[in-house]
Amino acid sequence: MSRKIKIHNTDIEMELTDPTAIWFYESQLKEAEERGQVLRAKLTDQGTIYYTIGELNIERAARLFYEMLKEQGKI
């Protein structure tokens, strides 16, 4: 089992293969979603992945919502 994640503010995608890393990512994602926030994966200079939980960028959310409505033909 593996899980692909995208590193925040980059074009980098990484694949998590370690079961503990996948479990930790999914637990952090669940916690963020329960709070109505977003989980961001980031990299240290040494290449270690770390996660931050924060507020959703409202402009990005509005743009995504607009694109979704446009695809559905509602706009």
N, C-alpha and C. Protein backbone atom coordinates (compact mmCIF):
# COMPACT_ATOMS: atom_id res chain seq x y z
N MET A 1 0.83 -1.17 0.00
CA MET A 1 0.00 0.00 0.00
C MET A 1 0.89 1.24 0.00
N SER A 2 0.49 2.25 -0.76
CA SER A 2 1.24 3.50 -0.77
C SER A 2 0.27 4.67 -0.86
N ARG A 3 0.79 5.85 -0.62
CA ARG A 3 -0.04 7.06 -0.65
C ARG A 3 0.79 8.18 -1.26
N LYS A 4 0.27 8.80 -2.33
CA LYS A 4 0.95 9.93 -2.96
C LYS A 4 0.55 11.22 -2.27
N ILE A 5 1.53 12.06 -2.01
CA ILE A 5 1.25 13.38 -1.45
C ILE A 5 1.96 14.43 -2.30
N LYS A 6 1.44 15.63 -2.29
CA LYS A 6 2.05 16.74 -3.01
C LYS A 6 2.64 17.68 -1.99
N ILE A 7 3.86 18.11 -2.22
CA ILE A 7 4.53 19.04 -1.33
C ILE A 7 4.00 20.44 -1.59
N HIS A 8 3.61 21.13 -0.54
CA HIS A 8 2.99 22.45 -0.61
C HIS A 8 3.88 23.45 -1.35
N ASN A 9 3.26 24.22 -2.25
CA ASN A 9 3.92 25.28 -3.03
C ASN A 9 5.04 24.76 -3.94
N THR A 10 4.95 23.51 -4.37
CA THR A 10 5.94 22.95 -5.29
C THR A 10 5.19 22.06 -6.29
N ASP A 11 5.94 21.56 -7.25
CA ASP A 11 5.40 20.57 -8.18
C ASP A 11 5.84 19.17 -7.77
N ILE A 12 6.41 19.04 -6.60
CA ILE A 12 6.96 17.76 -6.13
C ILE A 12 5.85 16.88 -5.57
N GLU A 13 5.81 15.65 -6.06
CA GLU A 13 4.93 14.63 -5.51
C GLU A 13 5.81 13.53 -4.94
N MET A 14 5.44 13.04 -3.77
CA MET A 14 6.20 11.97 -3.14
C MET A 14 5.25 10.83 -2.82
N GLU A 15 5.79 9.64 -2.80
CA GLU A 15 4.99 8.47 -2.49
C GLU A 15 5.41 7.93 -1.12
N LEU A 16 4.45 7.87 -0.23
CA LEU A 16 4.70 7.29 1.09
C LEU A 16 4.47 5.79 0.98
N THR A 17 5.44 5.02 1.40
CA THR A 17 5.32 3.55 1.35
C THR A 17 5.40 2.91 2.73
N ASP A 18 6.02 3.60 3.67
CA ASP A 18 6.15 3.08 5.03
C ASP A 18 4.78 3.13 5.72
N PRO A 19 4.31 2.00 6.26
CA PRO A 19 2.99 1.98 6.90
C PRO A 19 2.83 3.01 8.02
N THR A 20 3.89 3.26 8.78
CA THR A 20 3.82 4.25 9.86
C THR A 20 3.68 5.65 9.29
N ALA A 21 4.40 5.96 8.22
CA ALA A 21 4.31 7.27 7.58
C ALA A 21 2.92 7.49 6.99
N ILE A 22 2.35 6.45 6.41
CA ILE A 22 0.99 6.54 5.85
C ILE A 22 -0.02 6.75 6.97
N TRP A 23 0.11 5.98 8.05
CA TRP A 23 -0.80 6.13 9.18
C TRP A 23 -0.72 7.54 9.75
N PHE A 24 0.51 8.07 9.93
CA PHE A 24 0.67 9.40 10.50
C PHE A 24 0.05 10.45 9.59
N TYR A 25 0.32 10.36 8.29
CA TYR A 25 -0.26 11.31 7.33
C TYR A 25 -1.78 11.29 7.40
N GLU A 26 -2.36 10.10 7.36
CA GLU A 26 -3.82 9.98 7.36
C GLU A 26 -4.43 10.46 8.67
N SER A 27 -3.74 10.26 9.79
CA SER A 27 -4.26 10.74 11.07
C SER A 27 -4.21 12.27 11.12
N GLN A 28 -3.15 12.86 10.58
CA GLN A 28 -3.05 14.32 10.54
C GLN A 28 -4.09 14.91 9.59
N LEU A 29 -4.31 14.24 8.46
CA LEU A 29 -5.31 14.69 7.50
C LEU A 29 -6.71 14.65 8.12
N LYS A 30 -7.02 13.58 8.82
CA LYS A 30 -8.33 13.45 9.48
C LYS A 30 -8.52 14.55 10.51
N GLU A 31 -7.48 14.81 11.30
CA GLU A 31 -7.56 15.87 12.31
C GLU A 31 -7.81 17.24 11.67
N ALA A 32 -7.11 17.52 10.60
CA ALA A 32 -7.28 18.80 9.90
C ALA A 32 -8.70 18.93 9.35
N GLU A 33 -9.20 17.87 8.72
CA GLU A 33 -10.54 17.90 8.16
C GLU A 33 -11.60 18.08 9.23
N GLU A 34 -11.41 17.44 10.38
CA GLU A 34 -12.36 17.59 11.47
C GLU A 34 -12.42 19.03 11.99
N ARG A 35 -11.31 19.75 11.88
CA ARG A 35 -11.24 21.14 12.32
C ARG A 35 -11.63 22.12 11.21
N GLY A 36 -11.91 21.60 10.02
CA GLY A 36 -12.24 22.47 8.90
C GLY A 36 -11.02 23.18 8.35
N GLN A 37 -9.86 22.57 8.52
CA GLN A 37 -8.62 23.17 8.06
C GLN A 37 -7.98 22.30 6.99
N VAL A 38 -6.81 22.70 6.54
CA VAL A 38 -6.11 21.93 5.51
C VAL A 38 -4.77 21.45 6.06
N LEU A 39 -4.32 20.33 5.52
CA LEU A 39 -3.03 19.77 5.87
C LEU A 39 -2.06 20.06 4.73
N ARG A 40 -0.91 20.61 5.08
CA ARG A 40 0.11 20.91 4.06
C ARG A 40 1.36 20.09 4.36
N ALA A 41 1.84 19.40 3.34
CA ALA A 41 3.09 18.66 3.46
C ALA A 41 4.22 19.58 2.99
N LYS A 42 5.28 19.66 3.77
CA LYS A 42 6.42 20.51 3.43
C LYS A 42 7.70 19.71 3.59
N LEU A 43 8.79 20.22 3.02
CA LEU A 43 10.08 19.55 3.11
C LEU A 43 11.08 20.43 3.84
N THR A 44 11.90 19.81 4.67
CA THR A 44 13.01 20.53 5.27
C THR A 44 14.14 20.58 4.26
N ASP A 45 15.18 21.35 4.55
CA ASP A 45 16.34 21.39 3.67
C ASP A 45 17.03 20.04 3.57
N GLN A 46 16.84 19.19 4.57
CA GLN A 46 17.45 17.86 4.57
C GLN A 46 16.57 16.82 3.86
N GLY A 47 15.38 17.24 3.40
CA GLY A 47 14.51 16.33 2.67
C GLY A 47 13.51 15.58 3.53
N THR A 48 13.38 15.97 4.79
CA THR A 48 12.41 15.35 5.68
C THR A 48 11.05 15.99 5.47
N ILE A 49 10.01 15.17 5.41
CA ILE A 49 8.65 15.67 5.25
C ILE A 49 8.12 16.06 6.62
N TYR A 50 7.46 17.22 6.69
CA TYR A 50 6.72 17.58 7.89
C TYR A 50 5.39 18.17 7.47
N TYR A 51 4.45 18.20 8.40
CA TYR A 51 3.10 18.64 8.09
C TYR A 51 2.71 19.83 8.94
N THR A 52 1.94 20.73 8.34
CA THR A 52 1.36 21.84 9.07
C THR A 52 -0.14 21.84 8.82
N ILE A 53 -0.88 22.26 9.82
CA ILE A 53 -2.33 22.37 9.69
C ILE A 53 -2.66 23.86 9.78
N GLY A 54 -3.47 24.33 8.84
CA GLY A 54 -3.80 25.74 8.86
C GLY A 54 -5.09 26.03 8.13
N GLU A 55 -5.38 27.30 8.07
CA GLU A 55 -6.60 27.76 7.42
C GLU A 55 -6.48 27.61 5.90
N LEU A 56 -7.60 27.33 5.28
CA LEU A 56 -7.68 27.25 3.83
C LEU A 56 -7.58 28.65 3.26
N ASN A 57 -6.80 28.83 2.22
CA ASN A 57 -6.71 30.11 1.53
C ASN A 57 -8.04 30.38 0.85
N ILE A 58 -8.76 31.40 1.30
CA ILE A 58 -10.12 31.65 0.84
C ILE A 58 -10.17 31.96 -0.66
N GLU A 59 -9.16 32.64 -1.19
CA GLU A 59 -9.15 32.93 -2.63
C GLU A 59 -9.02 31.65 -3.43
N ARG A 60 -8.16 30.76 -2.98
CA ARG A 60 -7.99 29.47 -3.67
C ARG A 60 -9.27 28.64 -3.57
N ALA A 61 -9.89 28.64 -2.40
CA ALA A 61 -11.13 27.90 -2.22
C ALA A 61 -12.21 28.43 -3.15
N ALA A 62 -12.31 29.75 -3.25
CA ALA A 62 -13.32 30.35 -4.12
C ALA A 62 -13.06 29.99 -5.58
N ARG A 63 -11.80 29.99 -5.98
CA ARG A 63 -11.43 29.64 -7.36
C ARG A 63 -11.77 28.19 -7.65
N LEU A 64 -11.47 27.29 -6.71
CA LEU A 64 -11.79 25.87 -6.89
C LEU A 64 -13.30 25.65 -6.96
N PHE A 65 -14.04 26.36 -6.11
CA PHE A 65 -15.49 26.26 -6.10
C PHE A 65 -16.07 26.75 -7.43
N TYR A 66 -15.53 27.85 -7.94
CA TYR A 66 -15.97 28.40 -9.22
C TYR A 66 -15.72 27.38 -10.34
N GLU A 67 -14.53 26.79 -10.37
CA GLU A 67 -14.19 25.81 -11.40
C GLU A 67 -15.10 24.59 -11.31
N MET A 68 -15.43 24.16 -10.11
CA MET A 68 -16.33 23.02 -9.94
C MET A 68 -17.71 23.34 -10.48
N LEU A 69 -18.24 24.52 -10.17
CA LEU A 69 -19.55 24.90 -10.68
C LEU A 69 -19.53 25.05 -12.20
N LYS A 70 -18.43 25.57 -12.73
CA LYS A 70 -18.29 25.74 -14.17
C LYS A 70 -18.31 24.38 -14.87
N GLU A 71 -17.59 23.40 -14.31
CA GLU A 71 -17.56 22.05 -14.89
C GLU A 71 -18.93 21.41 -14.87
N GLN A 72 -19.71 21.71 -13.85
CA GLN A 72 -21.05 21.13 -13.72
C GLN A 72 -22.08 21.88 -14.57
N GLY A 73 -21.63 22.94 -15.24
CA GLY A 73 -22.54 23.71 -16.10
C GLY A 73 -23.49 24.62 -15.36
N LYS A 74 -23.18 24.91 -14.12
CA LYS A 74 -24.07 25.76 -13.32
C LYS A 74 -23.71 27.24 -13.46
N ILE A 75 -22.61 27.50 -14.14
CA ILE A 75 -22.19 28.89 -14.38
C ILE A 75 -22.00 29.08 -15.87
